[in-house]
Amino acid sequence: MSNIFDQWSLYSRILANNYMRHRDLSVVLREFLAGLDRSCRVLDLGCGDGWMARECLKNTQVRRYVGIDTSADAIARLRACPPAGSNPDNARIDLSCEDVFTALHALPAGEFDLVLSSYCLHHFSQPQKLVVLRQIRRVLTPDGSFIWTDLARHSQQMRDTCLKSLVHEIRQNWSALRSDEVEETVAHVLSSDFPEEEHWMLDTARECGFSLARALHRDEFYGSWAFVAAPDGNG
């Protein structure tokens, strides 16, 4: 993976300008999570600086928050302003600067009520995504929820076609970035982004023991889906 995330300032401006729909997504995620009527232990995969979790968990009782990201800069920013939900005095915060794929295997089974994954899994190969999804199911409680937000291809759209469209979008419309930052972002996309077709994501999540609760967002590039753990382990 490229080092675009080593220093978080570039990504924070992408987020601030809503180029990847973070503001829109935070609203629909917050509305969905408002329906959770219990105190939650939350695992945030690819947590970044915690912006998304802070926004979408505002009305959620967070008993424990575990954030994992490879960017030390993002983790430092997150540590200064953790997403503690609606009961900040009672939330336990644990942050880890490491690879999601490795970190997941070390977590206990049934440890979390909610797993968030925002713009993280598209960096993995298809076989790795399958492993990660199985691990997410393993660490969830039997009635836990999983929200998968990611870059996603449309039906029968090839990776090259998807990324070509995204690169055009970045070069045309991400105007808050300098030209060198645009090209750095493009280089990252072309080398490190491996989005799947939406139907593959939904089918594979089902095979890994999830049931689709609600499609939260879908546009030309990005999507978000809320899943619940299937009672029998099969979606």
C-alpha atoms as a PDB file:
ATOM      1  CA  MET A   1       0.000   0.000   0.000  1.00  0.00           C
ATOM      2  CA  SER A   2       1.255   3.505  -0.713  1.00  0.00           C
ATOM      3  CA  ASN A   3       2.219   5.839   2.125  1.00  0.00           C
ATOM      4  CA  ILE A   4      -0.574   8.363   1.488  1.00  0.00           C
ATOM      5  CA  PHE A   5      -1.946   7.695   4.981  1.00  0.00           C
ATOM      6  CA  ASP A   6       1.332   8.098   6.873  1.00  0.00           C
ATOM      7  CA  GLN A   7       0.553  11.779   7.331  1.00  0.00           C
ATOM      8  CA  TRP A   8      -3.170  12.291   7.836  1.00  0.00           C
ATOM      9  CA  SER A   9      -3.425  15.913   6.669  1.00  0.00           C
ATOM     10  CA  LEU A  10      -4.181  15.002   3.046  1.00  0.00           C
ATOM     11  CA  TYR A  11      -6.928  12.543   3.899  1.00  0.00           C
ATOM     12  CA  SER A  12      -8.399  14.933   6.448  1.00  0.00           C
ATOM     13  CA  ARG A  13      -8.931  17.507   3.660  1.00  0.00           C
ATOM     14  CA  ILE A  14     -10.529  14.840   1.457  1.00  0.00           C
ATOM     15  CA  LEU A  15     -12.863  14.127   4.347  1.00  0.00           C
ATOM     16  CA  ALA A  16     -13.536  17.798   5.135  1.00  0.00           C
ATOM     17  CA  ASN A  17     -14.596  18.450   1.537  1.00  0.00           C
ATOM     18  CA  ASN A  18     -16.914  15.434   1.537  1.00  0.00           C
ATOM     19  CA  TYR A  19     -15.277  13.987  -1.578  1.00  0.00           C
ATOM     20  CA  MET A  20     -15.923  10.443  -0.301  1.00  0.00           C
ATOM     21  CA  ARG A  21     -19.397  11.262   1.080  1.00  0.00           C
ATOM     22  CA  HIS A  22     -18.356  11.120   4.732  1.00  0.00           C
ATOM     23  CA  ARG A  23     -20.918  13.724   5.818  1.00  0.00           C
ATOM     24  CA  ASP A  24     -23.781  12.009   3.980  1.00  0.00           C
ATOM     25  CA  LEU A  25     -22.740   8.624   5.318  1.00  0.00           C
ATOM     26  CA  SER A  26     -22.423   9.799   8.907  1.00  0.00           C
ATOM     27  CA  VAL A  27     -26.066  10.903   8.865  1.00  0.00           C
ATOM     28  CA  VAL A  28     -27.490   7.599   7.630  1.00  0.00           C
ATOM     29  CA  LEU A  29     -25.181   5.566   9.874  1.00  0.00           C
ATOM     30  CA  ARG A  30     -26.169   7.621  12.904  1.00  0.00           C
ATOM     31  CA  GLU A  31     -29.851   7.105  12.109  1.00  0.00           C
ATOM     32  CA  PHE A  32     -29.364   3.346  11.797  1.00  0.00           C
ATOM     33  CA  LEU A  33     -27.314   3.071  14.977  1.00  0.00           C
ATOM     34  CA  ALA A  34     -29.885   5.070  16.931  1.00  0.00           C
ATOM     35  CA  GLY A  35     -31.970   1.904  16.839  1.00  0.00           C
ATOM     36  CA  LEU A  36     -29.456   0.018  18.976  1.00  0.00           C
ATOM     37  CA  ASP A  37     -30.973  -0.083  22.444  1.00  0.00           C
ATOM     38  CA  ARG A  38     -27.969  -1.308  24.382  1.00  0.00           C
ATOM     39  CA  SER A  39     -24.513  -0.221  25.422  1.00  0.00           C
ATOM     40  CA  CYS A  40     -22.090  -1.315  22.716  1.00  0.00           C
ATOM     41  CA  ARG A  41     -18.547  -2.574  22.464  1.00  0.00           C
ATOM     42  CA  VAL A  42     -17.386  -1.155  19.134  1.00  0.00           C
ATOM     43  CA  LEU A  43     -14.564  -2.314  16.859  1.00  0.00           C
ATOM     44  CA  ASP A  44     -13.559   0.246  14.212  1.00  0.00           C
ATOM     45  CA  LEU A  45     -11.430  -1.219  11.403  1.00  0.00           C
ATOM     46  CA  GLY A  46      -9.388   1.334   9.486  1.00  0.00           C
ATOM     47  CA  CYS A  47     -10.558   3.925  11.994  1.00  0.00           C
ATOM     48  CA  GLY A  48      -8.389   6.770  10.713  1.00  0.00           C
ATOM     49  CA  ASP A  49      -8.650   9.806  12.958  1.00  0.00           C
ATOM     50  CA  GLY A  50     -12.062   8.646  14.200  1.00  0.00           C
ATOM     51  CA  TRP A  51     -14.138  11.289  12.417  1.00  0.00           C
ATOM     52  CA  MET A  52     -16.693   8.851  11.057  1.00  0.00           C
ATOM     53  CA  ALA A  53     -17.059   7.004  14.348  1.00  0.00           C
ATOM     54  CA  ARG A  54     -17.382  10.236  16.340  1.00  0.00           C
ATOM     55  CA  GLU A  55     -20.196  11.383  14.062  1.00  0.00           C
ATOM     56  CA  CYS A  56     -22.143   8.164  13.659  1.00  0.00           C
ATOM     57  CA  LEU A  57     -21.856   7.084  17.328  1.00  0.00           C
ATOM     58  CA  LYS A  58     -22.994  10.408  18.819  1.00  0.00           C
ATOM     59  CA  ASN A  59     -26.330   8.957  19.939  1.00  0.00           C
ATOM     60  CA  THR A  60     -25.052   5.465  20.739  1.00  0.00           C
ATOM     61  CA  GLN A  61     -24.084   4.224  24.195  1.00  0.00           C
ATOM     62  CA  VAL A  62     -20.466   3.162  23.761  1.00  0.00           C
ATOM     63  CA  ARG A  63     -19.127   0.929  26.513  1.00  0.00           C
ATOM     64  CA  ARG A  64     -15.837   0.215  24.745  1.00  0.00           C
ATOM     65  CA  TYR A  65     -14.277   1.530  21.552  1.00  0.00           C
ATOM     66  CA  VAL A  66     -11.375  -0.263  19.850  1.00  0.00           C
ATOM     67  CA  GLY A  67      -9.837   1.566  16.875  1.00  0.00           C
ATOM     68  CA  ILE A  68      -7.296  -0.042  14.545  1.00  0.00           C
ATOM     69  CA  ASP A  69      -5.379   1.733  11.780  1.00  0.00           C
ATOM     70  CA  THR A  70      -1.930   1.546  10.195  1.00  0.00           C
ATOM     71  CA  SER A  71      -1.408   5.330  10.320  1.00  0.00           C
ATOM     72  CA  ALA A  72       0.374   6.484  13.481  1.00  0.00           C
ATOM     73  CA  ASP A  73      -0.574  10.082  12.650  1.00  0.00           C
ATOM     74  CA  ALA A  74      -4.270   9.180  12.443  1.00  0.00           C
ATOM     75  CA  ILE A  75      -4.133   7.234  15.712  1.00  0.00           C
ATOM     76  CA  ALA A  76      -2.467  10.192  17.442  1.00  0.00           C
ATOM     77  CA  ARG A  77      -5.249  12.488  16.229  1.00  0.00           C
ATOM     78  CA  LEU A  78      -7.859   9.966  17.339  1.00  0.00           C
ATOM     79  CA  ARG A  79      -6.300   9.675  20.778  1.00  0.00           C
ATOM     80  CA  ALA A  80      -6.753  13.429  21.247  1.00  0.00           C
ATOM     81  CA  CYS A  81     -10.465  13.233  20.406  1.00  0.00           C
ATOM     82  CA  PRO A  82     -11.854   9.694  20.757  1.00  0.00           C
ATOM     83  CA  PRO A  83     -15.370   8.669  19.644  1.00  0.00           C
ATOM     84  CA  ALA A  84     -16.897   7.964  23.037  1.00  0.00           C
ATOM     85  CA  GLY A  85     -20.567   8.035  21.999  1.00  0.00           C
ATOM     86  CA  SER A  86     -23.367   9.352  24.184  1.00  0.00           C
ATOM     87  CA  ASN A  87     -21.751   8.334  27.493  1.00  0.00           C
ATOM     88  CA  PRO A  88     -18.166   9.653  27.203  1.00  0.00           C
ATOM     89  CA  ASP A  89     -17.406   9.314  30.913  1.00  0.00           C
ATOM     90  CA  ASN A  90     -18.032   5.571  30.814  1.00  0.00           C
ATOM     91  CA  ALA A  91     -16.425   4.562  27.512  1.00  0.00           C
ATOM     92  CA  ARG A  92     -13.195   2.587  27.503  1.00  0.00           C
ATOM     93  CA  ILE A  93     -10.944   3.581  24.587  1.00  0.00           C
ATOM     94  CA  ASP A  94      -8.310   1.216  23.146  1.00  0.00           C
ATOM     95  CA  LEU A  95      -6.333   2.242  20.065  1.00  0.00           C
ATOM     96  CA  SER A  96      -3.887   0.188  18.040  1.00  0.00           C
ATOM     97  CA  CYS A  97      -1.547   1.194  15.209  1.00  0.00           C
ATOM     98  CA  GLU A  98      -1.287  -2.031  13.241  1.00  0.00           C
ATOM     99  CA  ASP A  99      -2.552  -3.910  10.221  1.00  0.00           C
ATOM    100  CA  VAL A 100      -6.252  -4.794  10.393  1.00  0.00           C
ATOM    101  CA  PHE A 101      -5.697  -8.225   8.871  1.00  0.00           C
ATOM    102  CA  THR A 102      -3.227  -9.189  11.601  1.00  0.00           C
ATOM    103  CA  ALA A 103      -5.001  -7.464  14.472  1.00  0.00           C
ATOM    104  CA  LEU A 104      -8.340  -9.167  13.852  1.00  0.00           C
ATOM    105  CA  HIS A 105      -6.896 -12.641  14.396  1.00  0.00           C
ATOM    106  CA  ALA A 106      -5.701 -11.697  17.881  1.00  0.00           C
ATOM    107  CA  LEU A 107      -9.100 -10.457  19.110  1.00  0.00           C
ATOM    108  CA  PRO A 108     -11.306 -12.761  21.217  1.00  0.00           C
ATOM    109  CA  ALA A 109     -14.422 -14.341  19.717  1.00  0.00           C
ATOM    110  CA  GLY A 110     -17.749 -12.695  20.501  1.00  0.00           C
ATOM    111  CA  GLU A 111     -16.076  -9.580  21.911  1.00  0.00           C
ATOM    112  CA  PHE A 112     -17.967  -6.831  20.046  1.00  0.00           C
ATOM    113  CA  ASP A 113     -21.566  -5.747  19.538  1.00  0.00           C
ATOM    114  CA  LEU A 114     -20.745  -3.551  16.542  1.00  0.00           C
ATOM    115  CA  VAL A 115     -18.001  -3.596  13.905  1.00  0.00           C
ATOM    116  CA  LEU A 116     -17.439  -0.564  11.678  1.00  0.00           C
ATOM    117  CA  SER A 117     -15.342  -0.785   8.522  1.00  0.00           C
ATOM    118  CA  SER A 118     -15.144   2.449   6.548  1.00  0.00           C
ATOM    119  CA  TYR A 119     -13.066   2.536   3.351  1.00  0.00           C
ATOM    120  CA  CYS A 120     -10.818  -0.223   4.619  1.00  0.00           C
ATOM    121  CA  LEU A 121     -11.595  -3.585   3.025  1.00  0.00           C
ATOM    122  CA  HIS A 122     -11.137  -2.446  -0.583  1.00  0.00           C
ATOM    123  CA  HIS A 123      -7.402  -2.363   0.108  1.00  0.00           C
ATOM    124  CA  PHE A 124      -7.350  -6.159   0.478  1.00  0.00           C
ATOM    125  CA  SER A 125      -7.349  -8.812  -2.230  1.00  0.00           C
ATOM    126  CA  GLN A 126     -10.516 -10.848  -2.687  1.00  0.00           C
ATOM    127  CA  PRO A 127      -9.177 -13.892  -0.754  1.00  0.00           C
ATOM    128  CA  GLN A 128      -8.070 -11.571   2.066  1.00  0.00           C
ATOM    129  CA  LYS A 129     -11.480  -9.902   2.172  1.00  0.00           C
ATOM    130  CA  LEU A 130     -13.056 -13.312   2.649  1.00  0.00           C
ATOM    131  CA  VAL A 131     -10.771 -14.030   5.604  1.00  0.00           C
ATOM    132  CA  VAL A 132     -11.438 -10.605   7.120  1.00  0.00           C
ATOM    133  CA  LEU A 133     -15.213 -11.016   6.829  1.00  0.00           C
ATOM    134  CA  ARG A 134     -15.032 -14.387   8.573  1.00  0.00           C
ATOM    135  CA  GLN A 135     -12.933 -12.851  11.323  1.00  0.00           C
ATOM    136  CA  ILE A 136     -15.414  -9.997  11.724  1.00  0.00           C
ATOM    137  CA  ARG A 137     -18.197 -12.536  12.144  1.00  0.00           C
ATOM    138  CA  ARG A 138     -16.090 -14.417  14.692  1.00  0.00           C
ATOM    139  CA  VAL A 139     -15.459 -11.380  16.905  1.00  0.00           C
ATOM    140  CA  LEU A 140     -19.110 -10.266  16.857  1.00  0.00           C
ATOM    141  CA  THR A 141     -21.670 -11.295  19.449  1.00  0.00           C
ATOM    142  CA  PRO A 142     -24.430 -13.612  18.149  1.00  0.00           C
ATOM    143  CA  ASP A 143     -26.750 -10.611  17.676  1.00  0.00           C
ATOM    144  CA  GLY A 144     -24.052  -8.127  16.657  1.00  0.00           C
ATOM    145  CA  SER A 145     -24.072  -5.649  13.770  1.00  0.00           C
ATOM    146  CA  PHE A 146     -21.531  -4.919  11.044  1.00  0.00           C
ATOM    147  CA  ILE A 147     -21.503  -1.780   8.902  1.00  0.00           C
ATOM    148  CA  TRP A 148     -19.461  -2.050   5.716  1.00  0.00           C
ATOM    149  CA  THR A 149     -18.765   1.249   3.968  1.00  0.00           C
ATOM    150  CA  ASP A 150     -16.526   1.104   0.932  1.00  0.00           C
ATOM    151  CA  LEU A 151     -15.645   1.832  -2.648  1.00  0.00           C
ATOM    152  CA  ALA A 152     -17.731  -0.611  -4.699  1.00  0.00           C
ATOM    153  CA  ARG A 153     -18.060  -1.581  -8.341  1.00  0.00           C
ATOM    154  CA  HIS A 154     -21.397  -1.851 -10.073  1.00  0.00           C
ATOM    155  CA  SER A 155     -22.599  -5.068 -11.667  1.00  0.00           C
ATOM    156  CA  GLN A 156     -20.206  -6.393 -14.346  1.00  0.00           C
ATOM    157  CA  GLN A 157     -18.001  -3.318 -13.997  1.00  0.00           C
ATOM    158  CA  MET A 158     -14.319  -4.225 -14.215  1.00  0.00           C
ATOM    159  CA  ARG A 159     -11.781  -2.872 -11.720  1.00  0.00           C
ATOM    160  CA  ASP A 160      -9.974  -0.873 -14.416  1.00  0.00           C
ATOM    161  CA  THR A 161     -13.212   0.778 -15.541  1.00  0.00           C
ATOM    162  CA  CYS A 162     -14.235   1.614 -11.983  1.00  0.00           C
ATOM    163  CA  LEU A 163     -10.858   3.104 -11.130  1.00  0.00           C
ATOM    164  CA  LYS A 164     -10.673   5.029 -14.415  1.00  0.00           C
ATOM    165  CA  SER A 165     -13.982   6.713 -13.535  1.00  0.00           C
ATOM    166  CA  LEU A 166     -12.806   7.421 -10.006  1.00  0.00           C
ATOM    167  CA  VAL A 167      -9.525   8.900 -11.226  1.00  0.00           C
ATOM    168  CA  HIS A 168     -11.462  11.177 -13.584  1.00  0.00           C
ATOM    169  CA  GLU A 169     -13.662  12.267 -10.678  1.00  0.00           C
ATOM    170  CA  ILE A 170     -10.604  13.024  -8.526  1.00  0.00           C
ATOM    171  CA  ARG A 171      -8.822  15.018 -11.207  1.00  0.00           C
ATOM    172  CA  GLN A 172     -11.928  16.972 -12.194  1.00  0.00           C
ATOM    173  CA  ASN A 173     -13.594  17.672  -8.866  1.00  0.00           C
ATOM    174  CA  TRP A 174     -11.236  17.303  -5.907  1.00  0.00           C
ATOM    175  CA  SER A 175     -10.250  20.957  -6.289  1.00  0.00           C
ATOM    176  CA  ALA A 176      -9.183  21.542  -2.678  1.00  0.00           C
ATOM    177  CA  LEU A 177      -6.084  19.435  -3.289  1.00  0.00           C
ATOM    178  CA  ARG A 178      -2.892  20.684  -4.892  1.00  0.00           C
ATOM    179  CA  SER A 179      -1.989  19.106  -8.235  1.00  0.00           C
ATOM    180  CA  ASP A 180       0.767  16.999  -6.640  1.00  0.00           C
ATOM    181  CA  GLU A 181      -1.677  15.790  -3.979  1.00  0.00           C
ATOM    182  CA  VAL A 182      -4.188  14.856  -6.654  1.00  0.00           C
ATOM    183  CA  GLU A 183      -1.564  12.774  -8.423  1.00  0.00           C
ATOM    184  CA  GLU A 184      -0.455  11.190  -5.139  1.00  0.00           C
ATOM    185  CA  THR A 185      -4.067  10.214  -4.487  1.00  0.00           C
ATOM    186  CA  VAL A 186      -4.460   8.852  -8.015  1.00  0.00           C
ATOM    187  CA  ALA A 187      -1.289   6.794  -7.640  1.00  0.00           C
ATOM    188  CA  HIS A 188      -2.640   5.326  -4.409  1.00  0.00           C
ATOM    189  CA  VAL A 189      -5.977   4.466  -6.021  1.00  0.00           C
ATOM    190  CA  LEU A 190      -4.369   2.723  -8.997  1.00  0.00           C
ATOM    191  CA  SER A 191      -1.909   0.727  -6.916  1.00  0.00           C
ATOM    192  CA  SER A 192      -3.862  -0.072  -3.761  1.00  0.00           C
ATOM    193  CA  ASP A 193      -7.624  -0.052  -4.400  1.00  0.00           C
ATOM    194  CA  PHE A 194      -9.320  -3.360  -5.201  1.00  0.00           C
ATOM    195  CA  PRO A 195     -13.067  -2.719  -5.052  1.00  0.00           C
ATOM    196  CA  GLU A 196     -15.483  -5.586  -5.512  1.00  0.00           C
ATOM    197  CA  GLU A 197     -18.820  -5.696  -7.278  1.00  0.00           C
ATOM    198  CA  GLU A 198     -21.681  -4.902  -4.928  1.00  0.00           C
ATOM    199  CA  HIS A 199     -23.345  -8.271  -5.454  1.00  0.00           C
ATOM    200  CA  TRP A 200     -20.082 -10.049  -4.537  1.00  0.00           C
ATOM    201  CA  MET A 201     -19.885  -8.048  -1.321  1.00  0.00           C
ATOM    202  CA  LEU A 202     -23.448  -8.892  -0.338  1.00  0.00           C
ATOM    203  CA  ASP A 203     -23.224 -12.555  -1.356  1.00  0.00           C
ATOM    204  CA  THR A 204     -19.901 -13.064   0.398  1.00  0.00           C
ATOM    205  CA  ALA A 205     -21.113 -11.366   3.567  1.00  0.00           C
ATOM    206  CA  ARG A 206     -24.046 -13.776   3.574  1.00  0.00           C
ATOM    207  CA  GLU A 207     -21.722 -16.759   3.081  1.00  0.00           C
ATOM    208  CA  CYS A 208     -19.683 -15.526   6.052  1.00  0.00           C
ATOM    209  CA  GLY A 209     -22.681 -15.510   8.374  1.00  0.00           C
ATOM    210  CA  PHE A 210     -24.336 -12.118   7.924  1.00  0.00           C
ATOM    211  CA  SER A 211     -27.831 -11.042   6.957  1.00  0.00           C
ATOM    212  CA  LEU A 212     -28.358  -7.714   5.227  1.00  0.00           C
ATOM    213  CA  ALA A 213     -30.344  -5.420   7.515  1.00  0.00           C
ATOM    214  CA  ARG A 214     -30.377  -2.307   5.360  1.00  0.00           C
ATOM    215  CA  ALA A 215     -28.659  -0.726   2.373  1.00  0.00           C
ATOM    216  CA  LEU A 216     -27.693   2.658   3.805  1.00  0.00           C
ATOM    217  CA  HIS A 217     -26.121   4.454   0.843  1.00  0.00           C
ATOM    218  CA  ARG A 218     -25.184   3.877  -2.790  1.00  0.00           C
ATOM    219  CA  ASP A 219     -23.893   6.253  -5.447  1.00  0.00           C
ATOM    220  CA  GLU A 220     -21.583   6.026  -8.441  1.00  0.00           C
ATOM    221  CA  PHE A 221     -18.552   5.054  -6.384  1.00  0.00           C
ATOM    222  CA  TYR A 222     -19.396   4.400  -2.755  1.00  0.00           C
ATOM    223  CA  GLY A 223     -21.795   2.296  -0.752  1.00  0.00           C
ATOM    224  CA  SER A 224     -22.677   1.421   2.821  1.00  0.00           C
ATOM    225  CA  TRP A 225     -24.535  -1.648   4.065  1.00  0.00           C
ATOM    226  CA  ALA A 226     -25.660  -2.637   7.543  1.00  0.00           C
ATOM    227  CA  PHE A 227     -25.569  -6.345   8.387  1.00  0.00           C
ATOM    228  CA  VAL A 228     -26.574  -8.364  11.414  1.00  0.00           C
ATOM    229  CA  ALA A 229     -25.003 -11.628  12.480  1.00  0.00           C
ATOM    230  CA  ALA A 230     -27.205 -14.497  11.295  1.00  0.00           C
ATOM    231  CA  PRO A 231     -28.379 -16.616  14.254  1.00  0.00           C
ATOM    232  CA  ASP A 232     -27.136 -19.893  12.768  1.00  0.00           C
ATOM    233  CA  GLY A 233     -23.949 -18.411  11.341  1.00  0.00           C
ATOM    234  CA  ASN A 234     -25.349 -18.506   7.817  1.00  0.00           C
ATOM    235  CA  GLY A 235     -26.921 -15.525   6.047  1.00  0.00           C
END
